[in-house]
C-alpha atoms as a PDB file:
ATOM      1  CA  PRO A   1     -60.998 187.858  -3.183  1.00  0.00           C
ATOM      2  CA  ASP A   2     -58.693 185.118  -4.415  1.00  0.00           C
ATOM      3  CA  ASN A   3     -55.567 187.352  -4.623  1.00  0.00           C
ATOM      4  CA  ASN A   4     -54.559 185.663  -7.870  1.00  0.00           C
ATOM      5  CA  THR A   5     -53.146 187.282 -10.955  1.00  0.00           C
ATOM      6  CA  TYR A   6     -54.317 186.448 -14.460  1.00  0.00           C
ATOM      7  CA  PHE A   7     -51.578 186.852 -17.049  1.00  0.00           C
ATOM      8  CA  ASN A   8     -53.285 187.802 -20.327  1.00  0.00           C
ATOM      9  CA  ARG A   9     -50.724 188.721 -22.973  1.00  0.00           C
ATOM     10  CA  PHE A  10     -47.084 189.437 -23.519  1.00  0.00           C
ATOM     11  CA  GLN A  11     -45.272 191.414 -26.159  1.00  0.00           C
ATOM     12  CA  VAL A  12     -41.628 191.127 -27.172  1.00  0.00           C
ATOM     13  CA  THR A  13     -39.396 193.349 -29.251  1.00  0.00           C
ATOM     14  CA  ILE A  14     -36.596 191.567 -31.068  1.00  0.00           C
ATOM     15  CA  GLY A  15     -34.023 191.889 -33.815  1.00  0.00           C
ATOM     16  CA  ARG A  16     -33.855 188.832 -36.025  1.00  0.00           C
ATOM     17  CA  PRO A  17     -31.348 188.816 -38.885  1.00  0.00           C
ATOM     18  CA  SER A  18     -31.799 186.194 -41.583  1.00  0.00           C
ATOM     19  CA  GLN A  19     -30.582 182.697 -40.687  1.00  0.00           C
ATOM     20  CA  THR A  20     -31.404 183.306 -37.016  1.00  0.00           C
ATOM     21  CA  ASP A  21     -34.365 182.343 -34.870  1.00  0.00           C
ATOM     22  CA  ILE A  22     -35.785 183.412 -31.519  1.00  0.00           C
ATOM     23  CA  TYR A  23     -38.777 181.897 -29.744  1.00  0.00           C
ATOM     24  CA  PHE A  24     -40.297 181.814 -26.268  1.00  0.00           C
ATOM     25  CA  GLN A  25     -42.076 179.837 -23.576  1.00  0.00           C
ATOM     26  CA  VAL A  26     -43.884 181.191 -20.496  1.00  0.00           C
ATOM     27  CA  ALA A  27     -44.823 179.822 -17.091  1.00  0.00           C
ATOM     28  CA  VAL A  28     -47.330 180.845 -14.411  1.00  0.00           C
ATOM     29  CA  ALA A  29     -47.305 179.326 -10.921  1.00  0.00           C
ATOM     30  CA  GLN A  30     -48.886 179.828  -7.527  1.00  0.00           C
ATOM     31  CA  ALA A  31     -46.758 181.496  -4.857  1.00  0.00           C
ATOM     32  CA  VAL A  32     -45.599 179.387  -1.920  1.00  0.00           C
ATOM     33  CA  ASN A  33     -45.800 181.190   1.427  1.00  0.00           C
ATOM     34  CA  ASN A  34     -46.376 184.449  -0.490  1.00  0.00           C
ATOM     35  CA  SER A  35     -43.115 184.054  -2.410  1.00  0.00           C
ATOM     36  CA  CYS A  36     -42.027 182.910  -5.870  1.00  0.00           C
ATOM     37  CA  ASP A  37     -38.735 181.563  -4.487  1.00  0.00           C
ATOM     38  CA  GLY A  38     -38.554 177.799  -4.845  1.00  0.00           C
ATOM     39  CA  VAL A  39     -41.682 177.581  -7.008  1.00  0.00           C
ATOM     40  CA  VAL A  40     -41.648 174.941  -9.743  1.00  0.00           C
ATOM     41  CA  PHE A  41     -42.382 176.453 -13.161  1.00  0.00           C
ATOM     42  CA  ASN A  42     -43.722 174.478 -16.136  1.00  0.00           C
ATOM     43  CA  TYR A  43     -42.901 176.339 -19.336  1.00  0.00           C
ATOM     44  CA  VAL A  44     -45.378 176.202 -22.228  1.00  0.00           C
ATOM     45  CA  GLY A  45     -45.979 177.632 -25.678  1.00  0.00           C
ATOM     46  CA  THR A  46     -49.019 178.675 -27.667  1.00  0.00           C
ATOM     47  CA  ASP A  47     -51.101 175.559 -27.040  1.00  0.00           C
ATOM     48  CA  GLY A  48     -50.333 175.352 -23.311  1.00  0.00           C
ATOM     49  CA  THR A  49     -47.960 172.381 -23.620  1.00  0.00           C
ATOM     50  CA  SER A  50     -44.235 172.096 -23.042  1.00  0.00           C
ATOM     51  CA  SER A  51     -43.693 170.970 -26.644  1.00  0.00           C
ATOM     52  CA  SER A  52     -44.930 174.240 -28.194  1.00  0.00           C
ATOM     53  CA  PHE A  53     -43.373 177.701 -28.487  1.00  0.00           C
ATOM     54  CA  PHE A  54     -44.279 181.297 -29.248  1.00  0.00           C
ATOM     55  CA  THR A  55     -42.486 181.820 -32.559  1.00  0.00           C
ATOM     56  CA  THR A  56     -41.408 184.863 -34.538  1.00  0.00           C
ATOM     57  CA  ASN A  57     -41.479 185.565 -38.248  1.00  0.00           C
ATOM     58  CA  LEU A  58     -39.000 187.748 -40.134  1.00  0.00           C
ATOM     59  CA  ILE A  59     -41.853 189.357 -42.073  1.00  0.00           C
ATOM     60  CA  ASP A  60     -43.931 190.350 -39.021  1.00  0.00           C
ATOM     61  CA  GLY A  61     -41.200 191.751 -36.716  1.00  0.00           C
ATOM     62  CA  PRO A  62     -39.763 193.444 -34.783  1.00  0.00           C
ATOM     63  CA  THR A  63     -42.634 193.446 -32.233  1.00  0.00           C
ATOM     64  CA  PHE A  64     -44.784 190.405 -31.557  1.00  0.00           C
ATOM     65  CA  GLY A  65     -47.805 190.006 -29.253  1.00  0.00           C
ATOM     66  CA  TYR A  66     -49.082 186.728 -27.882  1.00  0.00           C
ATOM     67  CA  ALA A  67     -51.997 185.533 -25.772  1.00  0.00           C
ATOM     68  CA  ILE A  68     -50.949 183.571 -22.699  1.00  0.00           C
ATOM     69  CA  PRO A  69     -52.837 180.246 -22.540  1.00  0.00           C
ATOM     70  CA  THR A  70     -55.701 180.399 -20.065  1.00  0.00           C
ATOM     71  CA  SER A  71     -54.910 176.826 -19.021  1.00  0.00           C
ATOM     72  CA  ILE A  72     -51.860 178.005 -17.017  1.00  0.00           C
ATOM     73  CA  ASN A  73     -53.710 180.789 -15.166  1.00  0.00           C
ATOM     74  CA  PRO A  74     -54.203 182.051 -12.498  1.00  0.00           C
ATOM     75  CA  GLY A  75     -51.042 182.378 -10.461  1.00  0.00           C
ATOM     76  CA  ARG A  76     -48.878 184.939  -8.687  1.00  0.00           C
ATOM     77  CA  CYS A  77     -45.526 184.121 -10.299  1.00  0.00           C
ATOM     78  CA  PHE A  78     -44.511 184.589 -13.943  1.00  0.00           C
ATOM     79  CA  ARG A  79     -41.368 183.593 -15.821  1.00  0.00           C
ATOM     80  CA  TYR A  80     -40.330 183.233 -19.425  1.00  0.00           C
ATOM     81  CA  LYS A  81     -37.598 181.525 -21.417  1.00  0.00           C
ATOM     82  CA  THR A  82     -36.008 182.835 -24.577  1.00  0.00           C
ATOM     83  CA  TYR A  83     -34.460 180.426 -27.066  1.00  0.00           C
ATOM     84  CA  MET A  84     -32.054 181.744 -29.691  1.00  0.00           C
ATOM     85  CA  SER A  85     -30.313 180.019 -32.576  1.00  0.00           C
ATOM     86  CA  SER A  86     -28.277 180.911 -35.633  1.00  0.00           C
ATOM     87  CA  SER A  87     -26.963 178.981 -38.629  1.00  0.00           C
ATOM     88  CA  ASP A  88     -24.619 181.893 -39.457  1.00  0.00           C
ATOM     89  CA  PRO A  89     -21.779 182.402 -36.946  1.00  0.00           C
ATOM     90  CA  SER A  90     -21.639 186.118 -37.791  1.00  0.00           C
ATOM     91  CA  GLN A  91     -25.334 186.733 -36.959  1.00  0.00           C
ATOM     92  CA  THR A  92     -27.320 186.486 -33.745  1.00  0.00           C
ATOM     93  CA  PRO A  93     -30.918 187.342 -32.817  1.00  0.00           C
ATOM     94  CA  ILE A  94     -31.415 190.163 -30.312  1.00  0.00           C
ATOM     95  CA  PHE A  95     -33.958 190.171 -27.486  1.00  0.00           C
ATOM     96  CA  TYR A  96     -34.712 193.805 -26.619  1.00  0.00           C
ATOM     97  CA  ASP A  97     -37.585 193.622 -24.133  1.00  0.00           C
ATOM     98  CA  ILE A  98     -40.771 192.009 -22.916  1.00  0.00           C
ATOM     99  CA  THR A  99     -43.992 193.596 -21.639  1.00  0.00           C
ATOM    100  CA  VAL A 100     -46.496 191.470 -19.735  1.00  0.00           C
ATOM    101  CA  ASN A 101     -50.180 192.356 -19.382  1.00  0.00           C
ATOM    102  CA  TYR A 102     -51.948 191.034 -16.294  1.00  0.00           C
ATOM    103  CA  ALA A 103     -55.014 191.609 -14.169  1.00  0.00           C
ATOM    104  CA  PRO A 104     -54.945 191.297 -10.369  1.00  0.00           C
END
């Protein structure tokens, strides 16, 4: 067996008031010496490139599910980045949680 993990999907739960935005990127990498410490992660969005993001829509929330690009699989290490913005200083998006689906 190759001992690799295939990361399939992730789901986030958010709160997104109007005039705010929240979006994501994910990264999968091979472990080095059986560890994720010191691994270089390349974060990508929906199309598998660093210039794209997993976006949210006020109409569809508060839970969003996304397919992880197959081009970044397999690997043993997984990370994500959350980007938040607001054009109203009295409002902020809220990131509640993330669930990641994978297959060993």
